[in-house]
Amino acid sequence: MTLTTDMNANDELGLSAKQQSQLQQFKKSVADILKPGNPIHTDRELSKFCFARKWDVRKAEAMFRQSMTYRETMRIDHIIEEYDPPEV
């Protein structure tokens, strides 16, 4: 997976140069679990984790990894395919 940044996306997000740098550091730190095409792994979504942890990259990484573990454990990304409606 490439870690290129779409500058238009960062401009749209209104990130400062320092925040853009921190977002890139964050993306590098979680690159091992990022999946191309996953809507949760966009710059916009990843920046929310940084913002939630006041741009502390280590804390944002811990939060993101915990979130992805939860999503996998609860099979959140597969709920549509695996949903079995109850009989009424």
N, C-alpha and C. Protein backbone atom coordinates (compact mmCIF):
# COMPACT_ATOMS: atom_id res chain seq x y z
N MET A 1 0.84 -1.18 0.00
CA MET A 1 0.00 0.00 0.00
C MET A 1 0.88 1.24 0.00
N THR A 2 0.53 2.20 -0.81
CA THR A 2 1.30 3.43 -0.84
C THR A 2 0.72 4.40 0.17
N LEU A 3 1.58 5.24 0.69
CA LEU A 3 1.15 6.21 1.68
C LEU A 3 1.14 7.61 1.09
N THR A 4 0.75 7.72 -0.16
CA THR A 4 0.69 9.04 -0.77
C THR A 4 -0.46 9.81 -0.18
N THR A 5 -0.30 11.11 -0.15
CA THR A 5 -1.33 11.98 0.38
C THR A 5 -1.92 12.79 -0.74
N ASP A 6 -3.20 12.81 -0.80
CA ASP A 6 -3.90 13.64 -1.76
C ASP A 6 -3.97 15.05 -1.17
N MET A 7 -3.17 15.96 -1.72
CA MET A 7 -3.11 17.31 -1.16
C MET A 7 -4.47 17.99 -1.18
N ASN A 8 -5.29 17.71 -2.19
CA ASN A 8 -6.62 18.29 -2.22
C ASN A 8 -7.44 17.80 -1.04
N ALA A 9 -7.25 16.54 -0.66
CA ALA A 9 -7.97 15.99 0.49
C ALA A 9 -7.54 16.73 1.76
N ASN A 10 -6.24 16.97 1.92
CA ASN A 10 -5.77 17.69 3.11
C ASN A 10 -6.23 19.13 3.10
N ASP A 11 -6.24 19.76 1.93
CA ASP A 11 -6.76 21.12 1.84
C ASP A 11 -8.24 21.14 2.24
N GLU A 12 -8.97 20.15 1.78
CA GLU A 12 -10.39 20.04 2.09
C GLU A 12 -10.61 19.84 3.59
N LEU A 13 -9.69 19.12 4.23
CA LEU A 13 -9.80 18.86 5.65
C LEU A 13 -9.41 20.06 6.49
N GLY A 14 -8.71 21.00 5.90
CA GLY A 14 -8.29 22.18 6.62
C GLY A 14 -7.17 21.91 7.62
N LEU A 15 -6.28 21.00 7.28
CA LEU A 15 -5.19 20.65 8.17
C LEU A 15 -4.03 21.63 8.01
N SER A 16 -3.40 21.95 9.12
CA SER A 16 -2.19 22.76 9.07
C SER A 16 -1.05 21.89 8.58
N ALA A 17 0.08 22.50 8.27
CA ALA A 17 1.25 21.74 7.81
C ALA A 17 1.70 20.76 8.89
N LYS A 18 1.65 21.17 10.16
CA LYS A 18 2.04 20.29 11.25
C LYS A 18 1.07 19.10 11.36
N GLN A 19 -0.21 19.38 11.23
CA GLN A 19 -1.21 18.31 11.30
C GLN A 19 -1.08 17.35 10.13
N GLN A 20 -0.77 17.87 8.95
CA GLN A 20 -0.55 17.00 7.79
C GLN A 20 0.63 16.08 8.05
N SER A 21 1.68 16.62 8.65
CA SER A 21 2.86 15.82 8.98
C SER A 21 2.50 14.75 10.01
N GLN A 22 1.75 15.11 11.01
CA GLN A 22 1.34 14.15 12.04
C GLN A 22 0.42 13.08 11.46
N LEU A 23 -0.45 13.46 10.53
CA LEU A 23 -1.31 12.48 9.87
C LEU A 23 -0.46 11.49 9.09
N GLN A 24 0.57 11.96 8.41
CA GLN A 24 1.45 11.07 7.67
C GLN A 24 2.21 10.13 8.61
N GLN A 25 2.66 10.64 9.74
CA GLN A 25 3.33 9.79 10.74
C GLN A 25 2.35 8.72 11.23
N PHE A 26 1.12 9.12 11.48
CA PHE A 26 0.09 8.19 11.95
C PHE A 26 -0.16 7.11 10.91
N LYS A 27 -0.29 7.51 9.65
CA LYS A 27 -0.53 6.54 8.58
C LYS A 27 0.62 5.55 8.46
N LYS A 28 1.85 6.02 8.63
CA LYS A 28 3.00 5.12 8.59
C LYS A 28 2.98 4.14 9.77
N SER A 29 2.55 4.62 10.92
CA SER A 29 2.56 3.77 12.11
C SER A 29 1.49 2.67 12.05
N VAL A 30 0.43 2.90 11.28
CA VAL A 30 -0.63 1.89 11.17
C VAL A 30 -0.69 1.27 9.78
N ALA A 31 0.33 1.48 8.99
CA ALA A 31 0.34 0.99 7.60
C ALA A 31 0.16 -0.52 7.52
N ASP A 32 0.60 -1.24 8.55
CA ASP A 32 0.49 -2.70 8.54
C ASP A 32 -0.96 -3.19 8.60
N ILE A 33 -1.90 -2.36 9.05
CA ILE A 33 -3.29 -2.81 9.12
C ILE A 33 -4.23 -2.03 8.19
N LEU A 34 -3.69 -1.06 7.46
CA LEU A 34 -4.53 -0.33 6.51
C LEU A 34 -4.82 -1.19 5.29
N LYS A 35 -6.06 -1.14 4.83
CA LYS A 35 -6.46 -1.91 3.66
C LYS A 35 -6.94 -0.96 2.58
N PRO A 36 -6.35 -1.06 1.38
CA PRO A 36 -6.77 -0.19 0.29
C PRO A 36 -8.26 -0.38 -0.02
N GLY A 37 -8.94 0.70 -0.25
CA GLY A 37 -10.35 0.63 -0.61
C GLY A 37 -11.30 0.62 0.59
N ASN A 38 -10.77 0.44 1.79
CA ASN A 38 -11.62 0.45 2.98
C ASN A 38 -12.01 1.90 3.27
N PRO A 39 -13.29 2.20 3.33
CA PRO A 39 -13.72 3.59 3.54
C PRO A 39 -13.30 4.17 4.89
N ILE A 40 -12.93 3.33 5.82
CA ILE A 40 -12.49 3.80 7.13
C ILE A 40 -11.03 4.21 7.10
N HIS A 41 -10.32 3.83 6.05
CA HIS A 41 -8.88 4.10 5.98
C HIS A 41 -8.54 5.27 5.07
N THR A 42 -9.44 6.20 4.92
CA THR A 42 -9.18 7.41 4.14
C THR A 42 -8.53 8.46 5.04
N ASP A 43 -7.92 9.45 4.43
CA ASP A 43 -7.31 10.54 5.21
C ASP A 43 -8.35 11.19 6.12
N ARG A 44 -9.54 11.40 5.60
CA ARG A 44 -10.60 12.05 6.39
C ARG A 44 -10.89 11.24 7.65
N GLU A 45 -11.08 9.95 7.52
CA GLU A 45 -11.40 9.10 8.67
C GLU A 45 -10.21 8.96 9.61
N LEU A 46 -9.02 8.79 9.06
CA LEU A 46 -7.83 8.65 9.90
C LEU A 46 -7.54 9.92 10.69
N SER A 47 -7.82 11.07 10.08
CA SER A 47 -7.58 12.33 10.78
C SER A 47 -8.49 12.46 12.00
N LYS A 48 -9.63 11.80 11.99
CA LYS A 48 -10.54 11.84 13.15
C LYS A 48 -9.91 11.19 14.37
N PHE A 49 -9.13 10.13 14.16
CA PHE A 49 -8.44 9.49 15.27
C PHE A 49 -7.37 10.42 15.83
N CYS A 50 -6.66 11.12 14.94
CA CYS A 50 -5.64 12.08 15.39
C CYS A 50 -6.29 13.23 16.16
N PHE A 51 -7.36 13.73 15.63
CA PHE A 51 -8.07 14.84 16.28
C PHE A 51 -8.58 14.42 17.65
N ALA A 52 -9.13 13.21 17.73
CA ALA A 52 -9.68 12.72 19.00
C ALA A 52 -8.62 12.59 20.08
N ARG A 53 -7.38 12.40 19.67
CA ARG A 53 -6.28 12.26 20.63
C ARG A 53 -5.35 13.48 20.58
N LYS A 54 -5.92 14.62 20.19
CA LYS A 54 -5.21 15.91 20.17
C LYS A 54 -3.89 15.83 19.42
N TRP A 55 -3.89 15.09 18.32
CA TRP A 55 -2.77 14.96 17.39
C TRP A 55 -1.56 14.28 18.04
N ASP A 56 -1.79 13.50 19.10
CA ASP A 56 -0.74 12.67 19.69
C ASP A 56 -0.74 11.36 18.89
N VAL A 57 0.27 11.17 18.06
CA VAL A 57 0.31 10.05 17.12
C VAL A 57 0.28 8.70 17.84
N ARG A 58 1.01 8.58 18.95
CA ARG A 58 1.03 7.31 19.69
C ARG A 58 -0.35 6.96 20.24
N LYS A 59 -1.04 7.95 20.80
CA LYS A 59 -2.37 7.70 21.35
C LYS A 59 -3.38 7.42 20.23
N ALA A 60 -3.25 8.13 19.12
CA ALA A 60 -4.14 7.90 17.99
C ALA A 60 -3.94 6.49 17.43
N GLU A 61 -2.68 6.05 17.37
CA GLU A 61 -2.40 4.70 16.88
C GLU A 61 -3.03 3.65 17.80
N ALA A 62 -2.88 3.83 19.11
CA ALA A 62 -3.46 2.88 20.07
C ALA A 62 -4.98 2.84 19.92
N MET A 63 -5.59 4.00 19.78
CA MET A 63 -7.05 4.06 19.62
C MET A 63 -7.49 3.39 18.32
N PHE A 64 -6.77 3.64 17.24
CA PHE A 64 -7.11 3.06 15.94
C PHE A 64 -6.97 1.54 15.97
N ARG A 65 -5.88 1.05 16.53
CA ARG A 65 -5.67 -0.40 16.61
C ARG A 65 -6.75 -1.06 17.46
N GLN A 66 -7.11 -0.43 18.56
CA GLN A 66 -8.17 -0.97 19.40
C GLN A 66 -9.50 -0.99 18.65
N SER A 67 -9.76 0.06 17.91
CA SER A 67 -10.99 0.14 17.12
C SER A 67 -11.04 -0.94 16.04
N MET A 68 -9.91 -1.14 15.35
CA MET A 68 -9.88 -2.16 14.31
C MET A 68 -9.99 -3.57 14.89
N THR A 69 -9.42 -3.79 16.07
CA THR A 69 -9.56 -5.09 16.75
C THR A 69 -11.02 -5.34 17.11
N TYR A 70 -11.67 -4.31 17.63
CA TYR A 70 -13.08 -4.44 17.98
C TYR A 70 -13.93 -4.73 16.74
N ARG A 71 -13.67 -4.00 15.66
CA ARG A 71 -14.43 -4.21 14.43
C ARG A 71 -14.26 -5.64 13.91
N GLU A 72 -13.05 -6.18 14.02
CA GLU A 72 -12.81 -7.54 13.56
C GLU A 72 -13.46 -8.56 14.50
N THR A 73 -13.32 -8.35 15.80
CA THR A 73 -13.92 -9.26 16.78
C THR A 73 -15.44 -9.32 16.64
N MET A 74 -16.06 -8.18 16.46
CA MET A 74 -17.52 -8.11 16.36
C MET A 74 -18.01 -8.31 14.92
N ARG A 75 -17.07 -8.47 13.99
CA ARG A 75 -17.38 -8.70 12.57
C ARG A 75 -18.24 -7.56 11.99
N ILE A 76 -17.94 -6.36 12.40
CA ILE A 76 -18.68 -5.18 11.97
C ILE A 76 -18.65 -5.02 10.45
N ASP A 77 -17.52 -5.26 9.83
CA ASP A 77 -17.38 -5.06 8.39
C ASP A 77 -18.08 -6.16 7.58
N HIS A 78 -18.59 -7.17 8.24
CA HIS A 78 -19.24 -8.28 7.54
C HIS A 78 -20.71 -8.42 7.91
N ILE A 79 -21.24 -7.46 8.63
CA ILE A 79 -22.59 -7.59 9.16
C ILE A 79 -23.65 -7.71 8.06
N ILE A 80 -23.48 -7.02 6.96
CA ILE A 80 -24.47 -7.07 5.88
C ILE A 80 -24.50 -8.46 5.25
N GLU A 81 -23.32 -9.03 4.99
CA GLU A 81 -23.27 -10.35 4.36
C GLU A 81 -23.72 -11.46 5.30
N GLU A 82 -23.46 -11.29 6.58
CA GLU A 82 -23.72 -12.37 7.54
C GLU A 82 -25.03 -12.24 8.30
N TYR A 83 -25.75 -11.17 8.10
CA TYR A 83 -26.98 -10.96 8.86
C TYR A 83 -28.03 -12.00 8.49
N ASP A 84 -28.57 -12.62 9.49
CA ASP A 84 -29.62 -13.62 9.32
C ASP A 84 -30.85 -13.09 10.05
N PRO A 85 -31.85 -12.58 9.32
CA PRO A 85 -33.01 -12.00 9.99
C PRO A 85 -33.75 -13.06 10.83
N PRO A 86 -34.21 -12.65 11.99
CA PRO A 86 -34.93 -13.60 12.84
C PRO A 86 -36.30 -13.92 12.26
N GLU A 87 -36.76 -15.13 12.57
CA GLU A 87 -38.09 -15.51 12.12
C GLU A 87 -39.11 -14.80 13.02
N VAL A 88 -40.19 -14.38 12.41
CA VAL A 88 -41.22 -13.69 13.16
C VAL A 88 -42.40 -14.59 13.35
